[in-house]
Protein backbone atom coordinates (compact mmCIF):
# COMPACT_ATOMS: atom_id res chain seq x y z
CA MET A 1 37.73 -2.66 25.02
CA GLY A 2 38.52 -2.93 20.86
CA THR A 3 37.80 -0.04 19.13
CA LEU A 4 36.53 0.82 15.66
CA ARG A 5 40.68 0.73 14.55
CA GLU A 6 41.70 -2.25 15.29
CA ALA A 7 38.99 -4.18 14.29
CA LEU A 8 39.42 -2.79 10.79
CA GLU A 9 42.29 -4.72 11.16
CA TYR A 10 40.46 -7.67 10.42
CA PRO A 11 40.51 -8.67 6.65
CA PHE A 12 36.93 -9.66 6.57
CA LEU A 13 35.31 -7.02 8.39
CA LYS A 14 37.33 -4.63 6.42
CA VAL A 15 36.36 -5.99 2.90
CA GLY A 16 32.76 -6.44 4.04
CA LEU A 17 32.64 -2.69 4.84
CA ILE A 18 33.78 -2.30 1.37
CA MET A 19 31.09 -3.84 -0.25
CA LEU A 20 29.07 -2.64 1.30
CA VAL A 21 29.65 0.55 0.24
CA LEU A 22 29.96 -0.37 -2.87
CA ALA A 23 26.83 -1.70 -2.71
CA LEU A 24 25.78 1.18 -1.87
CA VAL A 25 27.04 3.44 -4.41
CA ILE A 26 26.08 1.32 -7.10
CA SER A 27 22.42 1.13 -5.69
CA ALA A 28 22.58 4.98 -5.65
CA MET A 29 23.75 4.95 -9.76
CA GLY A 30 20.79 3.12 -11.25
CA LEU A 31 19.14 6.09 -9.87
CA TYR A 32 20.40 8.15 -12.86
CA GLY A 33 17.42 8.84 -15.24
CA VAL A 34 17.50 9.96 -18.91
CA ASP A 35 14.60 11.88 -20.38
CA LYS A 36 13.49 10.33 -23.24
CA SER A 37 10.96 11.34 -25.96
CA TYR A 38 9.43 10.48 -29.56
CA SER A 39 7.26 13.04 -31.59
CA SER A 40 5.28 13.37 -34.89
CA ASN A 41 3.00 15.72 -37.12
CA GLY A 42 1.24 15.43 -39.86
CA THR A 43 -1.69 16.22 -41.91
CA LEU A 44 -4.63 13.11 -42.13
CA GLY A 45 -7.52 13.11 -44.65
CA GLU A 46 -10.54 10.54 -44.21
CA GLY A 47 -9.26 7.70 -43.37
CA ARG A 48 -7.92 5.17 -40.03
CA TYR A 49 -4.78 5.93 -38.60
CA LEU A 50 -3.18 4.34 -35.25
CA LEU A 51 -0.92 6.87 -34.32
CA GLY A 52 2.94 6.36 -32.64
CA ASP A 53 5.61 4.19 -32.34
CA GLU A 54 4.77 0.47 -31.58
CA ASP A 55 9.50 0.61 -30.54
CA PHE A 56 9.81 3.18 -28.60
CA GLU A 57 6.18 2.75 -26.95
CA LYS A 58 7.06 -0.97 -25.73
CA SER A 59 10.49 0.10 -24.57
CA TYR A 60 9.56 2.05 -21.44
CA VAL A 61 7.25 1.41 -19.20
CA TYR A 62 6.09 5.30 -17.23
CA TYR A 63 5.58 7.73 -20.21
CA ASN A 64 3.34 10.48 -21.02
CA ARG A 65 1.39 10.93 -23.87
CA THR A 66 0.09 14.62 -25.21
CA LEU A 67 -1.98 14.40 -28.80
CA VAL A 68 -3.37 17.74 -30.51
CA ILE A 69 -5.41 17.90 -32.54
CA SER A 70 -6.39 21.01 -34.94
CA SER A 71 -8.67 21.21 -37.77
CA SER A 72 -10.73 23.95 -40.05
CA ASN A 73 -13.54 21.46 -40.06
CA ALA A 74 -13.04 18.38 -39.27
CA THR A 75 -15.59 15.32 -37.50
CA PHE A 76 -13.68 12.38 -36.36
CA SER A 77 -13.03 10.18 -33.69
CA VAL A 78 -10.47 9.05 -31.26
CA VAL A 79 -10.55 5.18 -29.97
CA GLN A 80 -7.89 4.78 -27.04
CA GLY A 81 -8.26 0.78 -26.41
CA ASN A 82 -12.24 0.06 -25.66
CA VAL A 83 -13.48 4.60 -26.22
CA THR A 84 -14.33 5.79 -28.57
CA GLU A 85 -14.59 9.90 -28.48
CA LYS A 86 -15.91 11.40 -31.28
CA TYR A 87 -15.39 15.24 -32.35
CA ALA A 88 -16.68 18.02 -34.40
CA LEU A 89 -13.90 20.47 -35.44
CA LEU A 90 -15.15 24.25 -36.49
CA ASN A 91 -11.63 25.99 -37.02
CA GLY A 92 -10.97 24.53 -33.22
CA THR A 93 -7.71 22.42 -31.58
CA VAL A 94 -9.23 19.92 -29.26
CA GLU A 95 -5.80 18.04 -26.71
CA ILE A 96 -5.83 14.67 -25.42
CA ILE A 97 -3.93 13.18 -23.19
CA PRO A 98 -4.15 9.30 -24.47
CA THR A 99 -3.36 6.35 -21.97
CA THR A 100 -2.68 3.59 -25.09
CA ARG A 101 -1.55 4.33 -28.56
CA PRO A 102 -4.14 6.26 -29.97
CA VAL A 103 -5.87 4.97 -33.15
CA ILE A 104 -7.63 8.00 -35.33
CA ASP A 105 -10.84 7.76 -37.38
CA VAL A 106 -11.88 10.89 -40.02
CA PHE A 107 -14.85 10.69 -40.91
CA ASN A 108 -14.72 13.83 -43.60
CA GLY A 109 -12.55 16.63 -43.62
CA THR A 110 -8.90 16.90 -42.73
CA ILE A 111 -7.06 17.03 -39.25
CA ASN A 112 -3.50 18.57 -38.09
CA TYR A 113 -1.92 16.76 -35.58
CA THR A 114 0.66 16.66 -32.93
CA TYR A 115 1.13 13.29 -31.12
CA THR A 116 4.04 13.61 -28.08
CA VAL A 117 5.30 10.87 -25.76
CA SER A 118 8.10 11.42 -23.01
CA ALA A 119 9.40 8.42 -21.12
CA LYS A 120 12.40 8.27 -18.58
CA ASP A 121 15.00 6.18 -18.76
CA TYR A 122 17.00 4.21 -16.55
CA PRO A 123 20.21 3.00 -18.21
CA TYR A 124 21.68 1.57 -14.84
CA ALA A 125 19.31 -0.20 -13.52
CA ILE A 126 20.41 -3.53 -14.65
CA TYR A 127 23.50 -2.90 -12.04
CA SER A 128 21.37 -2.48 -8.87
CA LEU A 129 21.18 -6.53 -8.88
CA LEU A 130 25.51 -6.71 -9.29
CA ALA A 131 24.65 -3.98 -5.53
CA PHE A 132 22.24 -7.30 -4.50
CA VAL A 133 25.03 -9.66 -5.12
CA LEU A 134 27.39 -7.28 -2.96
CA MET A 135 25.48 -5.78 -0.34
CA LEU A 136 24.43 -9.59 0.63
CA VAL A 137 27.83 -11.34 0.24
CA GLY A 138 28.99 -7.68 2.61
CA THR A 139 27.13 -8.42 5.12
CA VAL A 140 27.60 -11.77 5.04
CA MET A 141 31.78 -11.14 5.04
CA ALA A 142 31.32 -8.47 7.49
CA PHE A 143 29.63 -10.58 9.97
CA ILE A 144 32.35 -13.08 10.22
CA GLY A 145 34.53 -10.23 10.48
CA TYR A 146 32.74 -8.55 13.42
CA THR A 147 32.55 -12.01 14.99
CA GLN A 148 36.03 -12.83 15.07
CA PHE A 149 36.81 -9.62 16.26
CA LEU A 150 34.05 -9.83 19.90
CA ARG A 151 35.87 -13.53 20.42
CA ASP A 152 38.82 -11.80 19.83
CA ILE A 153 38.43 -9.48 22.96
CA LYS A 154 36.42 -11.48 24.59
CA GLU A 155 39.59 -14.09 24.73
CA GLY A 156 41.84 -10.99 25.92
CA LYS A 157 43.86 -10.97 22.32
CA ARG A 158 42.67 -7.12 21.76
């Protein structure tokens, strides 16, 4: 009966296993995430304002948004897609978790706002395609090497 050491003498099996291990390492690298964030703040008078950075928010799929608005005396509304929420603040603060880039309509007074967006970026995720190809080729090569090894055992060469 052949041993693992004898099986690893077959080049197809050895190269196939190396490719499989390399594919595993490369796919694990794709899980490395980097935190990205965008923040803006300021004072808004009467009018309509679209908050946020379109380039930043289109670059990432999963993100968290927070909008904090404070005012001493203002009436305004926050539009998120098809939903409009109206507020009247008198020396108060409101924290909103928007689902889309918010549009603020200030009807009277001024408001102070802080808008922050945080996201997670996976810069090495594209290499998972290479890992997938290595996994496919490595599996085929390891299978070929293993069948050669079993054939030699059956024929009594090992």
